[in-house]
Full PDB file with SEQRES, HELIX, SHEET, SSBOND, CRYST1, ORIGX, SCALE, CONECT and MASTER records, all heavy atoms in Angstrom:
SEQRES   1 A   29  VAL ARG ASP ALA PHE GLU LYS ALA GLY VAL ILE THR ILE          
SEQRES   2 A   29  VAL GLY ASP TRP THR LYS ARG ASP GLU ALA ILE THR GLN          
SEQRES   3 A   29  PHE LEU THR                                                  
HELIX    1 AA1 ARG A    2  ALA A    8  1                                   7    
HELIX    2 AA2 GLU A   22  LEU A   28  1                                   7    
CRYST1    1.000    1.000    1.000  90.00  90.00  90.00 P 1           1          
ORIGX1      1.000000  0.000000  0.000000        0.00000                         
ORIGX2      0.000000  1.000000  0.000000        0.00000                         
ORIGX3      0.000000  0.000000  1.000000        0.00000                         
SCALE1      1.000000  0.000000  0.000000        0.00000                         
SCALE2      0.000000  1.000000  0.000000        0.00000                         
SCALE3      0.000000  0.000000  1.000000        0.00000                         
ATOM      1  N   VAL A   1     -15.543   7.613   6.249  1.00  0.00           N  
ATOM      2  CA  VAL A   1     -15.689   6.183   6.464  1.00  0.00           C  
ATOM      3  C   VAL A   1     -14.790   5.409   5.505  1.00  0.00           C  
ATOM      4  O   VAL A   1     -14.120   4.447   5.893  1.00  0.00           O  
ATOM      5  CB  VAL A   1     -17.159   5.751   6.282  1.00  0.00           C  
ATOM      6  CG1 VAL A   1     -17.302   4.239   6.356  1.00  0.00           C  
ATOM      7  CG2 VAL A   1     -18.037   6.410   7.341  1.00  0.00           C  
ATOM      8  N   ARG A   2     -14.747   5.848   4.252  1.00  0.00           N  
ATOM      9  CA  ARG A   2     -13.868   5.180   3.286  1.00  0.00           C  
ATOM     10  C   ARG A   2     -12.418   5.250   3.739  1.00  0.00           C  
ATOM     11  O   ARG A   2     -11.685   4.253   3.690  1.00  0.00           O  
ATOM     12  CB  ARG A   2     -14.012   5.834   1.912  1.00  0.00           C  
ATOM     13  CG  ARG A   2     -13.104   5.227   0.845  1.00  0.00           C  
ATOM     14  CD  ARG A   2     -12.973   6.139  -0.356  1.00  0.00           C  
ATOM     15  NE  ARG A   2     -12.402   7.434   0.033  1.00  0.00           N  
ATOM     16  CZ  ARG A   2     -12.357   8.493  -0.773  1.00  0.00           C  
ATOM     17  NH1 ARG A   2     -12.866   8.427  -1.989  1.00  0.00           N  
ATOM     18  NH2 ARG A   2     -11.813   9.620  -0.358  1.00  0.00           N  
ATOM     19  N   ASP A   3     -11.966   6.428   4.207  1.00  0.00           N  
ATOM     20  CA  ASP A   3     -10.577   6.576   4.650  1.00  0.00           C  
ATOM     21  C   ASP A   3     -10.284   5.674   5.842  1.00  0.00           C  
ATOM     22  O   ASP A   3      -9.216   5.052   5.921  1.00  0.00           O  
ATOM     23  CB  ASP A   3     -10.298   8.039   5.012  1.00  0.00           C  
ATOM     24  CG  ASP A   3     -10.405   8.963   3.795  1.00  0.00           C  
ATOM     25  OD1 ASP A   3     -10.329   8.446   2.658  1.00  0.00           O  
ATOM     26  OD2 ASP A   3     -10.570  10.183   3.993  1.00  0.00           O  
ATOM     27  N   ALA A   4     -11.248   5.589   6.780  1.00  0.00           N  
ATOM     28  CA  ALA A   4     -11.054   4.721   7.949  1.00  0.00           C  
ATOM     29  C   ALA A   4     -10.980   3.258   7.537  1.00  0.00           C  
ATOM     30  O   ALA A   4     -10.164   2.493   8.067  1.00  0.00           O  
ATOM     31  CB  ALA A   4     -12.187   4.948   8.945  1.00  0.00           C  
ATOM     32  N   PHE A   5     -11.812   2.872   6.583  1.00  0.00           N  
ATOM     33  CA  PHE A   5     -11.794   1.491   6.097  1.00  0.00           C  
ATOM     34  C   PHE A   5     -10.479   1.173   5.396  1.00  0.00           C  
ATOM     35  O   PHE A   5      -9.901   0.098   5.588  1.00  0.00           O  
ATOM     36  CB  PHE A   5     -12.970   1.257   5.149  1.00  0.00           C  
ATOM     37  CG  PHE A   5     -14.283   0.976   5.847  1.00  0.00           C  
ATOM     38  CD1 PHE A   5     -14.434   1.234   7.196  1.00  0.00           C  
ATOM     39  CD2 PHE A   5     -15.371   0.462   5.154  1.00  0.00           C  
ATOM     40  CE1 PHE A   5     -15.637   0.982   7.844  1.00  0.00           C  
ATOM     41  CE2 PHE A   5     -16.577   0.195   5.791  1.00  0.00           C  
ATOM     42  CZ  PHE A   5     -16.710   0.462   7.141  1.00  0.00           C  
ATOM     43  N   GLU A   6     -10.006   2.104   4.564  1.00  0.00           N  
ATOM     44  CA  GLU A   6      -8.754   1.864   3.848  1.00  0.00           C  
ATOM     45  C   GLU A   6      -7.582   1.758   4.814  1.00  0.00           C  
ATOM     46  O   GLU A   6      -6.680   0.934   4.633  1.00  0.00           O  
ATOM     47  CB  GLU A   6      -8.518   2.987   2.837  1.00  0.00           C  
ATOM     48  CG  GLU A   6      -9.479   2.957   1.646  1.00  0.00           C  
ATOM     49  CD  GLU A   6      -9.227   4.088   0.670  1.00  0.00           C  
ATOM     50  OE1 GLU A   6      -8.440   5.007   1.025  1.00  0.00           O  
ATOM     51  OE2 GLU A   6      -9.813   4.071  -0.431  1.00  0.00           O  
ATOM     52  N   LYS A   7      -7.585   2.592   5.851  1.00  0.00           N  
ATOM     53  CA  LYS A   7      -6.505   2.567   6.839  1.00  0.00           C  
ATOM     54  C   LYS A   7      -6.488   1.245   7.589  1.00  0.00           C  
ATOM     55  O   LYS A   7      -5.419   0.716   7.930  1.00  0.00           O  
ATOM     56  CB  LYS A   7      -6.675   3.725   7.813  1.00  0.00           C  
ATOM     57  CG  LYS A   7      -5.499   3.931   8.749  1.00  0.00           C  
ATOM     58  CD  LYS A   7      -5.677   5.189   9.579  1.00  0.00           C  
ATOM     59  CE  LYS A   7      -4.476   5.414  10.488  1.00  0.00           C  
ATOM     60  NZ  LYS A   7      -4.640   6.643  11.309  1.00  0.00           N  
ATOM     61  N   ALA A   8      -7.659   0.694   7.863  1.00  0.00           N  
ATOM     62  CA  ALA A   8      -7.751  -0.569   8.603  1.00  0.00           C  
ATOM     63  C   ALA A   8      -7.706  -1.787   7.689  1.00  0.00           C  
ATOM     64  O   ALA A   8      -7.709  -2.918   8.175  1.00  0.00           O  
ATOM     65  CB  ALA A   8      -9.043  -0.588   9.425  1.00  0.00           C  
ATOM     66  N   GLY A   9      -7.688  -1.571   6.363  1.00  0.00           N  
ATOM     67  CA  GLY A   9      -7.661  -2.696   5.429  1.00  0.00           C  
ATOM     68  C   GLY A   9      -8.964  -3.462   5.368  1.00  0.00           C  
ATOM     69  O   GLY A   9      -8.970  -4.673   5.120  1.00  0.00           O  
ATOM     70  N   VAL A  10     -10.081  -2.777   5.576  1.00  0.00           N  
ATOM     71  CA  VAL A  10     -11.381  -3.441   5.604  1.00  0.00           C  
ATOM     72  C   VAL A  10     -11.783  -3.880   4.198  1.00  0.00           C  
ATOM     73  O   VAL A  10     -11.696  -3.098   3.242  1.00  0.00           O  
ATOM     74  CB  VAL A  10     -12.458  -2.504   6.188  1.00  0.00           C  
ATOM     75  CG1 VAL A  10     -13.833  -3.187   6.154  1.00  0.00           C  
ATOM     76  CG2 VAL A  10     -12.103  -2.109   7.612  1.00  0.00           C  
ATOM     77  N   ILE A  11     -12.223  -5.113   4.080  1.00  0.00           N  
ATOM     78  CA  ILE A  11     -12.786  -5.620   2.823  1.00  0.00           C  
ATOM     79  C   ILE A  11     -14.286  -5.387   2.860  1.00  0.00           C  
ATOM     80  O   ILE A  11     -14.953  -5.759   3.822  1.00  0.00           O  
ATOM     81  CB  ILE A  11     -12.478  -7.111   2.638  1.00  0.00           C  
ATOM     82  CG1 ILE A  11     -10.964  -7.345   2.572  1.00  0.00           C  
ATOM     83  CG2 ILE A  11     -13.154  -7.661   1.376  1.00  0.00           C  
ATOM     84  CD1 ILE A  11     -10.579  -8.812   2.523  1.00  0.00           C  
ATOM     85  N   THR A  12     -14.826  -4.746   1.822  1.00  0.00           N  
ATOM     86  CA  THR A  12     -16.259  -4.441   1.786  1.00  0.00           C  
ATOM     87  C   THR A  12     -16.965  -5.336   0.772  1.00  0.00           C  
ATOM     88  O   THR A  12     -16.462  -5.573  -0.329  1.00  0.00           O  
ATOM     89  CB  THR A  12     -16.508  -2.969   1.433  1.00  0.00           C  
ATOM     90  OG1 THR A  12     -15.835  -2.661   0.204  1.00  0.00           O  
ATOM     91  CG2 THR A  12     -15.992  -2.053   2.515  1.00  0.00           C  
ATOM     92  N   ILE A  13     -18.135  -5.809   1.164  1.00  0.00           N  
ATOM     93  CA  ILE A  13     -18.958  -6.674   0.313  1.00  0.00           C  
ATOM     94  C   ILE A  13     -20.389  -6.182   0.402  1.00  0.00           C  
ATOM     95  O   ILE A  13     -20.878  -5.863   1.497  1.00  0.00           O  
ATOM     96  CB  ILE A  13     -18.879  -8.144   0.775  1.00  0.00           C  
ATOM     97  CG1 ILE A  13     -17.434  -8.661   0.688  1.00  0.00           C  
ATOM     98  CG2 ILE A  13     -19.801  -9.034  -0.050  1.00  0.00           C  
ATOM     99  CD1 ILE A  13     -17.246 -10.064   1.255  1.00  0.00           C  
ATOM    100  N   VAL A  14     -21.085  -6.100  -0.734  1.00  0.00           N  
ATOM    101  CA  VAL A  14     -22.477  -5.656  -0.740  1.00  0.00           C  
ATOM    102  C   VAL A  14     -23.357  -6.736  -1.371  1.00  0.00           C  
ATOM    103  O   VAL A  14     -22.989  -7.346  -2.374  1.00  0.00           O  
ATOM    104  CB  VAL A  14     -22.636  -4.317  -1.495  1.00  0.00           C  
ATOM    105  CG1 VAL A  14     -22.197  -4.454  -2.957  1.00  0.00           C  
ATOM    106  CG2 VAL A  14     -24.083  -3.817  -1.426  1.00  0.00           C  
ATOM    107  N   GLY A  15     -24.492  -6.981  -0.746  1.00  0.00           N  
ATOM    108  CA  GLY A  15     -25.493  -7.898  -1.288  1.00  0.00           C  
ATOM    109  C   GLY A  15     -26.706  -7.110  -1.741  1.00  0.00           C  
ATOM    110  O   GLY A  15     -27.383  -6.496  -0.909  1.00  0.00           O  
ATOM    111  N   ASP A  16     -26.972  -7.088  -3.034  1.00  0.00           N  
ATOM    112  CA  ASP A  16     -28.102  -6.333  -3.591  1.00  0.00           C  
ATOM    113  C   ASP A  16     -29.304  -7.257  -3.695  1.00  0.00           C  
ATOM    114  O   ASP A  16     -29.329  -8.175  -4.504  1.00  0.00           O  
ATOM    115  CB  ASP A  16     -27.728  -5.774  -4.963  1.00  0.00           C  
ATOM    116  CG  ASP A  16     -28.776  -4.801  -5.494  1.00  0.00           C  
ATOM    117  OD1 ASP A  16     -29.894  -4.750  -4.930  1.00  0.00           O  
ATOM    118  OD2 ASP A  16     -28.494  -4.082  -6.470  1.00  0.00           O  
ATOM    119  N   TRP A  17     -30.328  -6.987  -2.889  1.00  0.00           N  
ATOM    120  CA  TRP A  17     -31.518  -7.830  -2.795  1.00  0.00           C  
ATOM    121  C   TRP A  17     -32.695  -7.190  -3.524  1.00  0.00           C  
ATOM    122  O   TRP A  17     -33.848  -7.539  -3.258  1.00  0.00           O  
ATOM    123  CB  TRP A  17     -31.856  -8.071  -1.323  1.00  0.00           C  
ATOM    124  CG  TRP A  17     -32.581  -9.333  -1.029  1.00  0.00           C  
ATOM    125  CD1 TRP A  17     -32.362 -10.564  -1.547  1.00  0.00           C  
ATOM    126  CD2 TRP A  17     -33.659  -9.495  -0.094  1.00  0.00           C  
ATOM    127  NE1 TRP A  17     -33.225 -11.480  -1.001  1.00  0.00           N  
ATOM    128  CE2 TRP A  17     -34.033 -10.856  -0.107  1.00  0.00           C  
ATOM    129  CE3 TRP A  17     -34.338  -8.627   0.753  1.00  0.00           C  
ATOM    130  CZ2 TRP A  17     -35.055 -11.361   0.689  1.00  0.00           C  
ATOM    131  CZ3 TRP A  17     -35.345  -9.128   1.548  1.00  0.00           C  
ATOM    132  CH2 TRP A  17     -35.700 -10.477   1.512  1.00  0.00           C  
ATOM    133  N   THR A  18     -32.402  -6.255  -4.451  1.00  0.00           N  
ATOM    134  CA  THR A  18     -33.482  -5.603  -5.193  1.00  0.00           C  
ATOM    135  C   THR A  18     -34.325  -6.646  -5.918  1.00  0.00           C  
ATOM    136  O   THR A  18     -35.558  -6.615  -5.884  1.00  0.00           O  
ATOM    137  CB  THR A  18     -32.904  -4.600  -6.204  1.00  0.00           C  
ATOM    138  OG1 THR A  18     -32.134  -3.632  -5.497  1.00  0.00           O  
ATOM    139  CG2 THR A  18     -34.019  -3.902  -6.971  1.00  0.00           C  
ATOM    140  N   LYS A  19     -33.647  -7.561  -6.595  1.00  0.00           N  
ATOM    141  CA  LYS A  19     -34.317  -8.692  -7.222  1.00  0.00           C  
ATOM    142  C   LYS A  19     -34.117  -9.920  -6.338  1.00  0.00           C  
ATOM    143  O   LYS A  19     -33.224  -9.971  -5.491  1.00  0.00           O  
ATOM    144  CB  LYS A  19     -33.733  -8.961  -8.614  1.00  0.00           C  
ATOM    145  CG  LYS A  19     -34.001  -7.847  -9.617  1.00  0.00           C  
ATOM    146  CD  LYS A  19     -33.495  -8.244 -10.993  1.00  0.00           C  
ATOM    147  CE  LYS A  19     -33.817  -7.186 -12.038  1.00  0.00           C  
ATOM    148  NZ  LYS A  19     -33.385  -7.584 -13.391  1.00  0.00           N  
ATOM    149  N   ARG A  20     -34.964 -10.892  -6.556  1.00  0.00           N  
ATOM    150  CA  ARG A  20     -34.864 -12.113  -5.762  1.00  0.00           C  
ATOM    151  C   ARG A  20     -33.523 -12.789  -5.991  1.00  0.00           C  
ATOM    152  O   ARG A  20     -33.086 -12.975  -7.117  1.00  0.00           O  
ATOM    153  CB  ARG A  20     -36.008 -13.061  -6.092  1.00  0.00           C  
ATOM    154  CG  ARG A  20     -37.346 -12.578  -5.580  1.00  0.00           C  
ATOM    155  CD  ARG A  20     -38.462 -13.518  -5.958  1.00  0.00           C  
ATOM    156  NE  ARG A  20     -38.239 -14.851  -5.435  1.00  0.00           N  
ATOM    157  CZ  ARG A  20     -39.074 -15.860  -5.634  1.00  0.00           C  
ATOM    158  NH1 ARG A  20     -40.156 -15.695  -6.354  1.00  0.00           N  
ATOM    159  NH2 ARG A  20     -38.819 -17.037  -5.131  1.00  0.00           N  
ATOM    160  N   ASP A  21     -32.858 -13.116  -4.903  1.00  0.00           N  
ATOM    161  CA  ASP A  21     -31.563 -13.777  -4.947  1.00  0.00           C  
ATOM    162  C   ASP A  21     -31.572 -14.854  -3.864  1.00  0.00           C  
ATOM    163  O   ASP A  21     -31.573 -14.545  -2.678  1.00  0.00           O  
ATOM    164  CB  ASP A  21     -30.435 -12.763  -4.705  1.00  0.00           C  
ATOM    165  CG  ASP A  21     -29.057 -13.378  -4.886  1.00  0.00           C  
ATOM    166  OD1 ASP A  21     -28.750 -14.354  -4.180  1.00  0.00           O  
ATOM    167  OD2 ASP A  21     -28.278 -12.871  -5.721  1.00  0.00           O  
ATOM    168  N   GLU A  22     -31.587 -16.109  -4.275  1.00  0.00           N  
ATOM    169  CA  GLU A  22     -31.755 -17.199  -3.319  1.00  0.00           C  
ATOM    170  C   GLU A  22     -30.579 -17.298  -2.361  1.00  0.00           C  
ATOM    171  O   GLU A  22     -30.752 -17.633  -1.184  1.00  0.00           O  
ATOM    172  CB  GLU A  22     -31.960 -18.515  -4.071  1.00  0.00           C  
ATOM    173  CG  GLU A  22     -33.274 -18.555  -4.843  1.00  0.00           C  
ATOM    174  CD  GLU A  22     -33.521 -19.896  -5.510  1.00  0.00           C  
ATOM    175  OE1 GLU A  22     -32.598 -20.735  -5.492  1.00  0.00           O  
ATOM    176  OE2 GLU A  22     -34.615 -20.100  -6.040  1.00  0.00           O  
ATOM    177  N   ALA A  23     -29.362 -17.018  -2.854  1.00  0.00           N  
ATOM    178  CA  ALA A  23     -28.194 -17.096  -1.977  1.00  0.00           C  
ATOM    179  C   ALA A  23     -28.283 -16.051  -0.869  1.00  0.00           C  
ATOM    180  O   ALA A  23     -27.986 -16.333   0.300  1.00  0.00           O  
ATOM    181  CB  ALA A  23     -26.912 -16.914  -2.791  1.00  0.00           C  
ATOM    182  N   ILE A  24     -28.719 -14.835  -1.233  1.00  0.00           N  
ATOM    183  CA  ILE A  24     -28.846 -13.775  -0.234  1.00  0.00           C  
ATOM    184  C   ILE A  24     -29.977 -14.098   0.738  1.00  0.00           C  
ATOM    185  O   ILE A  24     -29.835 -13.933   1.959  1.00  0.00           O  
ATOM    186  CB  ILE A  24     -29.074 -12.416  -0.918  1.00  0.00           C  
ATOM    187  CG1 ILE A  24     -27.805 -11.989  -1.667  1.00  0.00           C  
ATOM    188  CG2 ILE A  24     -29.468 -11.347   0.097  1.00  0.00           C  
ATOM    189  CD1 ILE A  24     -27.940 -10.678  -2.407  1.00  0.00           C  
ATOM    190  N   THR A  25     -31.114 -14.564   0.217  1.00  0.00           N  
ATOM    191  CA  THR A  25     -32.238 -14.894   1.094  1.00  0.00           C  
ATOM    192  C   THR A  25     -31.853 -15.969   2.093  1.00  0.00           C  
ATOM    193  O   THR A  25     -32.175 -15.870   3.284  1.00  0.00           O  
ATOM    194  CB  THR A  25     -33.437 -15.375   0.261  1.00  0.00           C  
ATOM    195  OG1 THR A  25     -33.750 -14.402  -0.732  1.00  0.00           O  
ATOM    196  CG2 THR A  25     -34.658 -15.581   1.138  1.00  0.00           C  
ATOM    197  N   GLN A  26     -31.160 -16.993   1.631  1.00  0.00           N  
ATOM    198  CA  GLN A  26     -30.751 -18.066   2.524  1.00  0.00           C  
ATOM    199  C   GLN A  26     -29.779 -17.551   3.575  1.00  0.00           C  
ATOM    200  O   GLN A  26     -29.868 -17.917   4.756  1.00  0.00           O  
ATOM    201  CB  GLN A  26     -30.111 -19.200   1.721  1.00  0.00           C  
ATOM    202  CG  GLN A  26     -29.839 -20.458   2.532  1.00  0.00           C  
ATOM    203  CD  GLN A  26     -29.365 -21.607   1.658  1.00  0.00           C  
ATOM    204  OE1 GLN A  26     -28.795 -21.392   0.601  1.00  0.00           O  
ATOM    205  NE2 GLN A  26     -29.588 -22.821   2.092  1.00  0.00           N  
ATOM    206  N   PHE A  27     -28.875 -16.664   3.174  1.00  0.00           N  
ATOM    207  CA  PHE A  27     -27.912 -16.118   4.131  1.00  0.00           C  
ATOM    208  C   PHE A  27     -28.616 -15.240   5.163  1.00  0.00           C  
ATOM    209  O   PHE A  27     -28.293 -15.290   6.357  1.00  0.00           O  
ATOM    210  CB  PHE A  27     -26.846 -15.305   3.395  1.00  0.00           C  
ATOM    211  CG  PHE A  27     -25.745 -14.800   4.287  1.00  0.00           C  
ATOM    212  CD1 PHE A  27     -24.687 -15.619   4.635  1.00  0.00           C  
ATOM    213  CD2 PHE A  27     -25.780 -13.514   4.793  1.00  0.00           C  
ATOM    214  CE1 PHE A  27     -23.678 -15.157   5.474  1.00  0.00           C  
ATOM    215  CE2 PHE A  27     -24.776 -13.043   5.628  1.00  0.00           C  
ATOM    216  CZ  PHE A  27     -23.715 -13.877   5.965  1.00  0.00           C  
ATOM    217  N   LEU A  28     -29.577 -14.420   4.720  1.00  0.00           N  
ATOM    218  CA  LEU A  28     -30.332 -13.590   5.654  1.00  0.00           C  
ATOM    219  C   LEU A  28     -31.042 -14.458   6.689  1.00  0.00           C  
ATOM    220  O   LEU A  28     -31.059 -14.147   7.889  1.00  0.00           O  
ATOM    221  CB  LEU A  28     -31.350 -12.730   4.901  1.00  0.00           C  
ATOM    222  CG  LEU A  28     -30.799 -11.616   4.002  1.00  0.00           C  
ATOM    223  CD1 LEU A  28     -31.937 -10.952   3.235  1.00  0.00           C  
ATOM    224  CD2 LEU A  28     -30.040 -10.584   4.808  1.00  0.00           C  
ATOM    225  N   THR A  29     -31.636 -15.560   6.234  1.00  0.00           N  
ATOM    226  CA  THR A  29     -32.315 -16.470   7.152  1.00  0.00           C  
ATOM    227  C   THR A  29     -31.335 -17.058   8.156  1.00  0.00           C  
ATOM    228  O   THR A  29     -31.634 -17.173   9.345  1.00  0.00           O  
ATOM    229  CB  THR A  29     -33.007 -17.599   6.374  1.00  0.00           C  
ATOM    230  OG1 THR A  29     -33.928 -17.030   5.439  1.00  0.00           O  
ATOM    231  CG2 THR A  29     -33.758 -18.526   7.304  1.00  0.00           C  
TER     232      THR A  29                                                      
MASTER        0    0    0    2    0    0    0    6  231    1    0    3          
END                                                                             
């Protein structure tokens, strides 16, 4: 998957919701 992403130039972003995060909660909504 990493190789396929690199070949396609995919930008990856992760949202860690382990702790309360208002920006993530609002985006999920």
